Amino acid sequence: MAAVWAIGIVVAVLLFMVPAAVKVVAQYERGVVLRLGRFIGIKEPGLRLIIPFIDRMVKVDTRVVTMDVPEQEAITKDNVTVRVNAVVYLRVINPEDAVLEVADYVRATSLISQTTLRSVLGQSELDELLSQRDKINETLQQIVDDQTDPWGVKVSAVEVKDVTLPDTMQRAMAAQAEAEREKRAKIVHAEGELEASAKLAQAAAVIAKEPTALQLRYLGTLTEIATERTNMVIFPLPIDLISAMMPKKGKESE
């Protein structure tokens, strides 16, 4: 009877000890092992054994993490209040530092991204934020990556997503864009008038040299008018064409 109890106790202890001693590390994970609170090594993916109650394994995900930066309100260099949010792409490249150097690397990276976003926007003008977003993204990535490097975290990209402007600023920008479109339209129209006047001047010079060209132009105009359904057609005639039919005065008429 005592042997049965002993076997039962051993089995119970094994059932309790095996889950604490056997750990499975996934392919995308790394296991940071602490023995009595002291770092002893990193476990690679697979089935791993640790000493129960003495060793403790902390699993670290090494995949790329996409983290949204909450909307931040900032004042640009030209005193415009904007609200901007962003997204950060980060990845743990040193699991040991991610566990030993920071309590929660995701939350810490998020807070640093928020403060950095407000700081960079405060040093940029509104036109740069709207037209040179790639440059601002690169600046944000470099600053955040430098600050998270001691934690074993690599920030591969920081992207500004949405920029919200005040209603008054949106109306002012819309009015400015409309004025720019009207300006371009007037410039194009003036250039067209200038080019047309130059062509007309060239045509007039040719007709002045060749009077026959004017008569040919009249005949062409008559051809165009004849195709239209009109009751009356009025067209000018060259003076020299009808001068021969007019009576002459003076000695020549006598």
C-alpha atoms as a PDB file:
ATOM      1  CA  MET A   1       0.000   0.000   0.000  1.00  0.00           C
ATOM      2  CA  ALA A   2       2.831   2.368   0.843  1.00  0.00           C
ATOM      3  CA  ALA A   3       4.441   1.610  -2.514  1.00  0.00           C
ATOM      4  CA  VAL A   4       1.249   2.584  -4.311  1.00  0.00           C
ATOM      5  CA  TRP A   5       1.158   5.860  -2.428  1.00  0.00           C
ATOM      6  CA  ALA A   6       4.781   6.518  -3.279  1.00  0.00           C
ATOM      7  CA  ILE A   7       4.200   5.835  -6.948  1.00  0.00           C
ATOM      8  CA  GLY A   8       1.178   8.122  -6.934  1.00  0.00           C
ATOM      9  CA  ILE A   9       3.163  10.924  -5.331  1.00  0.00           C
ATOM     10  CA  VAL A  10       5.956  10.532  -7.873  1.00  0.00           C
ATOM     11  CA  VAL A  11       3.501  10.616 -10.757  1.00  0.00           C
ATOM     12  CA  ALA A  12       1.818  13.729  -9.350  1.00  0.00           C
ATOM     13  CA  VAL A  13       5.162  15.438  -8.932  1.00  0.00           C
ATOM     14  CA  LEU A  14       6.125  14.548 -12.496  1.00  0.00           C
ATOM     15  CA  LEU A  15       2.823  15.829 -13.856  1.00  0.00           C
ATOM     16  CA  PHE A  16       3.427  19.065 -12.010  1.00  0.00           C
ATOM     17  CA  MET A  17       7.106  19.383 -12.892  1.00  0.00           C
ATOM     18  CA  VAL A  18       7.039  18.454 -16.590  1.00  0.00           C
ATOM     19  CA  PRO A  19       4.964  21.476 -17.779  1.00  0.00           C
ATOM     20  CA  ALA A  20       7.234  23.765 -15.752  1.00  0.00           C
ATOM     21  CA  ALA A  21      10.392  22.192 -17.173  1.00  0.00           C
ATOM     22  CA  VAL A  22       9.426  21.704 -20.835  1.00  0.00           C
ATOM     23  CA  LYS A  23       8.978  24.824 -22.942  1.00  0.00           C
ATOM     24  CA  VAL A  24       8.173  25.202 -26.623  1.00  0.00           C
ATOM     25  CA  VAL A  25       9.703  28.182 -28.403  1.00  0.00           C
ATOM     26  CA  ALA A  26       8.021  29.081 -31.710  1.00  0.00           C
ATOM     27  CA  GLN A  27       9.978  29.873 -34.855  1.00  0.00           C
ATOM     28  CA  TYR A  28       9.267  33.611 -34.536  1.00  0.00           C
ATOM     29  CA  GLU A  29      10.183  33.684 -30.822  1.00  0.00           C
ATOM     30  CA  ARG A  30      13.306  33.686 -28.686  1.00  0.00           C
ATOM     31  CA  GLY A  31      13.389  32.574 -25.071  1.00  0.00           C
ATOM     32  CA  VAL A  32      15.332  34.713 -22.597  1.00  0.00           C
ATOM     33  CA  VAL A  33      16.248  32.494 -19.639  1.00  0.00           C
ATOM     34  CA  LEU A  34      16.853  33.903 -16.156  1.00  0.00           C
ATOM     35  CA  ARG A  35      18.289  31.633 -13.442  1.00  0.00           C
ATOM     36  CA  LEU A  36      17.509  32.946 -10.005  1.00  0.00           C
ATOM     37  CA  GLY A  37      17.025  36.341 -11.607  1.00  0.00           C
ATOM     38  CA  ARG A  38      20.268  36.326 -13.549  1.00  0.00           C
ATOM     39  CA  PHE A  39      20.497  36.132 -17.328  1.00  0.00           C
ATOM     40  CA  ILE A  40      22.099  32.889 -18.500  1.00  0.00           C
ATOM     41  CA  GLY A  41      21.249  32.642 -22.196  1.00  0.00           C
ATOM     42  CA  ILE A  42      18.735  32.672 -25.030  1.00  0.00           C
ATOM     43  CA  LYS A  43      16.808  29.611 -26.160  1.00  0.00           C
ATOM     44  CA  GLU A  44      16.340  29.093 -29.883  1.00  0.00           C
ATOM     45  CA  PRO A  45      13.082  27.805 -31.464  1.00  0.00           C
ATOM     46  CA  GLY A  46      12.129  24.233 -30.614  1.00  0.00           C
ATOM     47  CA  LEU A  47      11.498  22.075 -27.534  1.00  0.00           C
ATOM     48  CA  ARG A  48      13.592  23.400 -24.632  1.00  0.00           C
ATOM     49  CA  LEU A  49      14.157  22.317 -21.043  1.00  0.00           C
ATOM     50  CA  ILE A  50      14.665  24.542 -18.039  1.00  0.00           C
ATOM     51  CA  ILE A  51      15.029  23.889 -14.334  1.00  0.00           C
ATOM     52  CA  PRO A  52      11.627  24.287 -12.674  1.00  0.00           C
ATOM     53  CA  PHE A  53      11.308  26.923  -9.932  1.00  0.00           C
ATOM     54  CA  ILE A  54      14.906  28.014 -10.597  1.00  0.00           C
ATOM     55  CA  ASP A  55      14.849  29.101 -14.223  1.00  0.00           C
ATOM     56  CA  ARG A  56      12.332  31.473 -15.759  1.00  0.00           C
ATOM     57  CA  MET A  57      11.875  31.884 -19.476  1.00  0.00           C
ATOM     58  CA  VAL A  58      10.561  35.101 -21.059  1.00  0.00           C
ATOM     59  CA  LYS A  59       9.467  34.684 -24.664  1.00  0.00           C
ATOM     60  CA  VAL A  60      10.106  37.603 -27.004  1.00  0.00           C
ATOM     61  CA  ASP A  61       8.320  37.984 -30.354  1.00  0.00           C
ATOM     62  CA  THR A  62      10.824  38.881 -33.086  1.00  0.00           C
ATOM     63  CA  ARG A  63       8.263  39.624 -35.816  1.00  0.00           C
ATOM     64  CA  VAL A  64       7.594  43.125 -37.156  1.00  0.00           C
ATOM     65  CA  VAL A  65       5.074  44.906 -34.964  1.00  0.00           C
ATOM     66  CA  THR A  66       2.788  47.594 -36.396  1.00  0.00           C
ATOM     67  CA  MET A  67       1.942  50.199 -33.780  1.00  0.00           C
ATOM     68  CA  ASP A  68      -0.443  53.125 -34.186  1.00  0.00           C
ATOM     69  CA  VAL A  69       0.636  56.419 -32.668  1.00  0.00           C
ATOM     70  CA  PRO A  70      -2.400  58.218 -31.166  1.00  0.00           C
ATOM     71  CA  GLU A  71      -3.409  61.536 -32.701  1.00  0.00           C
ATOM     72  CA  GLN A  72      -1.200  64.344 -31.451  1.00  0.00           C
ATOM     73  CA  GLU A  73      -1.906  68.075 -31.446  1.00  0.00           C
ATOM     74  CA  ALA A  74       1.053  70.288 -32.298  1.00  0.00           C
ATOM     75  CA  ILE A  75       1.844  73.826 -33.399  1.00  0.00           C
ATOM     76  CA  THR A  76       3.980  74.093 -36.512  1.00  0.00           C
ATOM     77  CA  LYS A  77       6.863  76.483 -36.967  1.00  0.00           C
ATOM     78  CA  ASP A  78       4.564  78.982 -38.728  1.00  0.00           C
ATOM     79  CA  ASN A  79       2.041  78.880 -35.817  1.00  0.00           C
ATOM     80  CA  VAL A  80      -0.593  76.586 -37.332  1.00  0.00           C
ATOM     81  CA  THR A  81      -2.338  74.111 -35.013  1.00  0.00           C
ATOM     82  CA  VAL A  82      -2.569  70.644 -36.564  1.00  0.00           C
ATOM     83  CA  ARG A  83      -3.584  67.191 -35.400  1.00  0.00           C
ATOM     84  CA  VAL A  84      -1.476  64.334 -36.756  1.00  0.00           C
ATOM     85  CA  ASN A  85      -1.339  60.583 -36.217  1.00  0.00           C
ATOM     86  CA  ALA A  86       1.241  58.093 -37.420  1.00  0.00           C
ATOM     87  CA  VAL A  87       2.164  54.416 -37.592  1.00  0.00           C
ATOM     88  CA  VAL A  88       5.451  52.851 -36.431  1.00  0.00           C
ATOM     89  CA  TYR A  89       7.013  49.601 -37.699  1.00  0.00           C
ATOM     90  CA  LEU A  90       9.357  48.031 -35.148  1.00  0.00           C
ATOM     91  CA  ARG A  91      11.100  44.703 -34.585  1.00  0.00           C
ATOM     92  CA  VAL A  92      13.149  43.199 -31.762  1.00  0.00           C
ATOM     93  CA  ILE A  93      16.663  42.379 -32.937  1.00  0.00           C
ATOM     94  CA  ASN A  94      18.217  41.798 -29.496  1.00  0.00           C
ATOM     95  CA  PRO A  95      15.870  39.833 -27.189  1.00  0.00           C
ATOM     96  CA  GLU A  96      18.232  40.129 -24.236  1.00  0.00           C
ATOM     97  CA  ASP A  97      18.106  43.949 -24.208  1.00  0.00           C
ATOM     98  CA  ALA A  98      14.358  43.968 -24.899  1.00  0.00           C
ATOM     99  CA  VAL A  99      13.838  42.075 -21.612  1.00  0.00           C
ATOM    100  CA  LEU A 100      16.620  43.438 -19.419  1.00  0.00           C
ATOM    101  CA  GLU A 101      16.809  47.097 -20.465  1.00  0.00           C
ATOM    102  CA  VAL A 102      13.127  48.100 -20.618  1.00  0.00           C
ATOM    103  CA  ALA A 103       9.980  46.925 -18.865  1.00  0.00           C
ATOM    104  CA  ASP A 104       7.649  47.177 -21.876  1.00  0.00           C
ATOM    105  CA  TYR A 105       9.394  48.018 -25.125  1.00  0.00           C
ATOM    106  CA  VAL A 106       6.153  48.441 -27.115  1.00  0.00           C
ATOM    107  CA  ARG A 107       4.686  51.007 -24.715  1.00  0.00           C
ATOM    108  CA  ALA A 108       8.030  52.772 -24.340  1.00  0.00           C
ATOM    109  CA  THR A 109       8.399  53.035 -28.123  1.00  0.00           C
ATOM    110  CA  SER A 110       4.864  54.392 -28.394  1.00  0.00           C
ATOM    111  CA  LEU A 111       5.523  57.149 -25.851  1.00  0.00           C
ATOM    112  CA  ILE A 112       8.801  58.132 -27.504  1.00  0.00           C
ATOM    113  CA  SER A 113       7.073  58.231 -30.891  1.00  0.00           C
ATOM    114  CA  GLN A 114       4.408  60.580 -29.550  1.00  0.00           C
ATOM    115  CA  THR A 115       6.878  63.061 -28.068  1.00  0.00           C
ATOM    116  CA  THR A 116       9.121  62.883 -31.138  1.00  0.00           C
ATOM    117  CA  LEU A 117       6.160  63.492 -33.455  1.00  0.00           C
ATOM    118  CA  ARG A 118       5.192  66.669 -31.586  1.00  0.00           C
ATOM    119  CA  SER A 119       8.807  67.855 -31.509  1.00  0.00           C
ATOM    120  CA  VAL A 120       9.438  67.348 -35.235  1.00  0.00           C
ATOM    121  CA  LEU A 121       6.152  69.004 -36.194  1.00  0.00           C
ATOM    122  CA  GLY A 122       7.043  71.995 -34.036  1.00  0.00           C
ATOM    123  CA  GLN A 123      10.236  72.440 -36.078  1.00  0.00           C
ATOM    124  CA  SER A 124       8.514  72.138 -39.463  1.00  0.00           C
ATOM    125  CA  GLU A 125       6.303  74.507 -41.397  1.00  0.00           C
ATOM    126  CA  LEU A 126       2.866  73.572 -42.685  1.00  0.00           C
ATOM    127  CA  ASP A 127       3.984  73.507 -46.326  1.00  0.00           C
ATOM    128  CA  GLU A 128       6.762  71.043 -45.444  1.00  0.00           C
ATOM    129  CA  LEU A 129       4.292  68.819 -43.614  1.00  0.00           C
ATOM    130  CA  LEU A 130       1.973  68.724 -46.626  1.00  0.00           C
ATOM    131  CA  SER A 131       4.488  68.590 -49.485  1.00  0.00           C
ATOM    132  CA  GLN A 132       7.610  66.988 -47.962  1.00  0.00           C
ATOM    133  CA  ARG A 133       6.109  64.223 -45.862  1.00  0.00           C
ATOM    134  CA  ASP A 134       8.785  61.728 -46.895  1.00  0.00           C
ATOM    135  CA  LYS A 135      11.460  63.955 -45.401  1.00  0.00           C
ATOM    136  CA  ILE A 136       9.534  64.266 -42.120  1.00  0.00           C
ATOM    137  CA  ASN A 137       8.985  60.484 -42.014  1.00  0.00           C
ATOM    138  CA  GLU A 138      12.710  59.904 -42.433  1.00  0.00           C
ATOM    139  CA  THR A 139      13.524  62.362 -39.639  1.00  0.00           C
ATOM    140  CA  LEU A 140      11.030  60.690 -37.311  1.00  0.00           C
ATOM    141  CA  GLN A 141      12.419  57.237 -38.087  1.00  0.00           C
ATOM    142  CA  GLN A 142      16.006  58.260 -37.373  1.00  0.00           C
ATOM    143  CA  ILE A 143      15.190  59.940 -34.054  1.00  0.00           C
ATOM    144  CA  VAL A 144      12.967  57.141 -32.726  1.00  0.00           C
ATOM    145  CA  ASP A 145      15.371  54.424 -33.888  1.00  0.00           C
ATOM    146  CA  ASP A 146      18.311  56.079 -32.117  1.00  0.00           C
ATOM    147  CA  GLN A 147      16.359  56.230 -28.854  1.00  0.00           C
ATOM    148  CA  THR A 148      15.141  52.607 -29.016  1.00  0.00           C
ATOM    149  CA  ASP A 149      18.498  51.136 -30.055  1.00  0.00           C
ATOM    150  CA  PRO A 150      19.647  50.515 -26.419  1.00  0.00           C
ATOM    151  CA  TRP A 151      16.523  48.377 -25.938  1.00  0.00           C
ATOM    152  CA  GLY A 152      17.388  46.050 -28.818  1.00  0.00           C
ATOM    153  CA  VAL A 153      14.477  47.413 -30.886  1.00  0.00           C
ATOM    154  CA  LYS A 154      14.854  48.386 -34.542  1.00  0.00           C
ATOM    155  CA  VAL A 155      12.379  50.974 -35.881  1.00  0.00           C
ATOM    156  CA  SER A 156      12.327  50.427 -39.634  1.00  0.00           C
ATOM    157  CA  ALA A 157       9.786  53.124 -40.565  1.00  0.00           C
ATOM    158  CA  VAL A 158       7.578  55.857 -39.175  1.00  0.00           C
ATOM    159  CA  GLU A 159       4.775  57.042 -41.452  1.00  0.00           C
ATOM    160  CA  VAL A 160       2.577  60.102 -40.896  1.00  0.00           C
ATOM    161  CA  LYS A 161      -0.957  59.038 -41.841  1.00  0.00           C
ATOM    162  CA  ASP A 162      -3.498  61.848 -41.457  1.00  0.00           C
ATOM    163  CA  VAL A 163      -3.067  65.593 -41.033  1.00  0.00           C
ATOM    164  CA  THR A 164      -6.121  67.465 -39.749  1.00  0.00           C
ATOM    165  CA  LEU A 165      -6.189  71.237 -40.214  1.00  0.00           C
ATOM    166  CA  PRO A 166      -8.502  73.813 -38.581  1.00  0.00           C
ATOM    167  CA  ASP A 167     -11.612  74.759 -40.575  1.00  0.00           C
ATOM    168  CA  THR A 168     -10.403  78.327 -41.066  1.00  0.00           C
ATOM    169  CA  MET A 169      -7.114  77.099 -42.491  1.00  0.00           C
ATOM    170  CA  GLN A 170      -8.903  74.688 -44.837  1.00  0.00           C
ATOM    171  CA  ARG A 171     -11.074  77.521 -46.200  1.00  0.00           C
ATOM    172  CA  ALA A 172      -8.025  79.761 -46.637  1.00  0.00           C
ATOM    173  CA  MET A 173      -6.140  77.026 -48.512  1.00  0.00           C
ATOM    174  CA  ALA A 174      -9.172  76.366 -50.738  1.00  0.00           C
ATOM    175  CA  ALA A 175      -9.398  80.080 -51.597  1.00  0.00           C
ATOM    176  CA  GLN A 176      -5.673  80.179 -52.341  1.00  0.00           C
ATOM    177  CA  ALA A 177      -5.939  77.142 -54.613  1.00  0.00           C
ATOM    178  CA  GLU A 178      -8.865  78.720 -56.483  1.00  0.00           C
ATOM    179  CA  ALA A 179      -6.892  81.946 -56.955  1.00  0.00           C
ATOM    180  CA  GLU A 180      -3.936  79.965 -58.292  1.00  0.00           C
ATOM    181  CA  ARG A 181      -6.179  78.174 -60.803  1.00  0.00           C
ATOM    182  CA  GLU A 182      -7.653  81.481 -62.004  1.00  0.00           C
ATOM    183  CA  LYS A 183      -4.157  82.921 -62.316  1.00  0.00           C
ATOM    184  CA  ARG A 184      -2.986  80.012 -64.456  1.00  0.00           C
ATOM    185  CA  ALA A 185      -6.122  80.247 -66.632  1.00  0.00           C
ATOM    186  CA  LYS A 186      -5.562  83.966 -67.275  1.00  0.00           C
ATOM    187  CA  ILE A 187      -1.898  83.372 -68.098  1.00  0.00           C
ATOM    188  CA  VAL A 188      -2.786  80.616 -70.574  1.00  0.00           C
ATOM    189  CA  HIS A 189      -5.473  82.827 -72.161  1.00  0.00           C
ATOM    190  CA  ALA A 190      -3.046  85.771 -72.479  1.00  0.00           C
ATOM    191  CA  GLU A 191      -0.391  83.534 -74.032  1.00  0.00           C
ATOM    192  CA  GLY A 192      -2.960  82.275 -76.526  1.00  0.00           C
ATOM    193  CA  GLU A 193      -3.975  85.840 -77.442  1.00  0.00           C
ATOM    194  CA  LEU A 194      -0.330  86.798 -77.893  1.00  0.00           C
ATOM    195  CA  GLU A 195       0.364  83.824 -80.138  1.00  0.00           C
ATOM    196  CA  ALA A 196      -2.805  84.458 -82.161  1.00  0.00           C
ATOM    197  CA  SER A 197      -1.933  88.128 -82.660  1.00  0.00           C
ATOM    198  CA  ALA A 198       1.539  87.153 -83.857  1.00  0.00           C
ATOM    199  CA  LYS A 199       0.039  84.753 -86.393  1.00  0.00           C
ATOM    200  CA  LEU A 200      -2.434  87.393 -87.565  1.00  0.00           C
ATOM    201  CA  ALA A 201       0.386  89.885 -88.007  1.00  0.00           C
ATOM    202  CA  GLN A 202       2.272  87.363 -90.138  1.00  0.00           C
ATOM    203  CA  ALA A 203      -0.836  86.690 -92.213  1.00  0.00           C
ATOM    204  CA  ALA A 204      -1.418  90.415 -92.708  1.00  0.00           C
ATOM    205  CA  ALA A 205       2.166  90.858 -93.878  1.00  0.00           C
ATOM    206  CA  VAL A 206       1.749  88.082 -96.447  1.00  0.00           C
ATOM    207  CA  ILE A 207      -1.552  89.518 -97.734  1.00  0.00           C
ATOM    208  CA  ALA A 208      -0.024  92.997 -97.974  1.00  0.00           C
ATOM    209  CA  LYS A 209       2.711  91.632-100.220  1.00  0.00           C
ATOM    210  CA  GLU A 210       0.348  89.524-102.357  1.00  0.00           C
ATOM    211  CA  PRO A 211      -3.036  91.235-103.067  1.00  0.00           C
ATOM    212  CA  THR A 212      -4.219  88.101-104.802  1.00  0.00           C
ATOM    213  CA  ALA A 213      -4.097  86.303-101.475  1.00  0.00           C
ATOM    214  CA  LEU A 214      -6.803  88.615-100.151  1.00  0.00           C
ATOM    215  CA  GLN A 215      -9.091  87.748-103.047  1.00  0.00           C
ATOM    216  CA  LEU A 216      -8.468  84.049-102.471  1.00  0.00           C
ATOM    217  CA  ARG A 217      -9.399  84.600 -98.839  1.00  0.00           C
ATOM    218  CA  TYR A 218     -12.646  86.225 -99.953  1.00  0.00           C
ATOM    219  CA  LEU A 219     -13.449  83.291-102.191  1.00  0.00           C
ATOM    220  CA  GLY A 220     -12.754  80.860 -99.362  1.00  0.00           C
ATOM    221  CA  THR A 221     -15.066  82.814 -97.088  1.00  0.00           C
ATOM    222  CA  LEU A 222     -17.818  82.709 -99.722  1.00  0.00           C
ATOM    223  CA  THR A 223     -17.437  78.945 -99.953  1.00  0.00           C
ATOM    224  CA  GLU A 224     -17.869  78.610 -96.214  1.00  0.00           C
ATOM    225  CA  ILE A 225     -20.908  80.906 -96.150  1.00  0.00           C
ATOM    226  CA  ALA A 226     -22.557  79.099 -99.056  1.00  0.00           C
ATOM    227  CA  THR A 227     -22.809  75.913 -97.030  1.00  0.00           C
ATOM    228  CA  GLU A 228     -24.980  77.603 -94.384  1.00  0.00           C
ATOM    229  CA  ARG A 229     -28.738  78.008 -94.699  1.00  0.00           C
ATOM    230  CA  THR A 230     -29.199  81.774 -94.633  1.00  0.00           C
ATOM    231  CA  ASN A 231     -31.612  84.116 -96.408  1.00  0.00           C
ATOM    232  CA  MET A 232     -29.134  86.931 -96.937  1.00  0.00           C
ATOM    233  CA  VAL A 233     -25.408  86.945 -97.437  1.00  0.00           C
ATOM    234  CA  ILE A 234     -23.412  90.177 -97.131  1.00  0.00           C
ATOM    235  CA  PHE A 235     -19.742  90.170 -97.930  1.00  0.00           C
ATOM    236  CA  PRO A 236     -17.234  92.933 -98.762  1.00  0.00           C
ATOM    237  CA  LEU A 237     -15.647  93.367-102.185  1.00  0.00           C
ATOM    238  CA  PRO A 238     -12.207  94.743-102.856  1.00  0.00           C
ATOM    239  CA  ILE A 239     -12.266  98.327-104.145  1.00  0.00           C
ATOM    240  CA  ASP A 240     -10.025  97.548-107.063  1.00  0.00           C
ATOM    241  CA  LEU A 241     -12.464  94.870-108.204  1.00  0.00           C
ATOM    242  CA  ILE A 242     -15.370  97.267-108.666  1.00  0.00           C
ATOM    243  CA  SER A 243     -13.421 100.404-109.570  1.00  0.00           C
ATOM    244  CA  ALA A 244     -13.347  99.358-113.228  1.00  0.00           C
ATOM    245  CA  MET A 245     -17.151  99.415-113.359  1.00  0.00           C
ATOM    246  CA  MET A 246     -17.460 102.912-111.854  1.00  0.00           C
ATOM    247  CA  PRO A 247     -17.579 105.990-114.189  1.00  0.00           C
ATOM    248  CA  LYS A 248     -14.442 108.074-114.266  1.00  0.00           C
ATOM    249  CA  LYS A 249     -14.441 111.840-113.868  1.00  0.00           C
ATOM    250  CA  GLY A 250     -12.357 114.494-115.471  1.00  0.00           C
ATOM    251  CA  LYS A 251     -10.432 114.355-118.669  1.00  0.00           C
ATOM    252  CA  GLU A 252     -10.211 110.646-118.743  1.00  0.00           C
ATOM    253  CA  SER A 253     -14.034 110.344-118.781  1.00  0.00           C
ATOM    254  CA  GLU A 254     -14.276 112.812-121.665  1.00  0.00           C
END
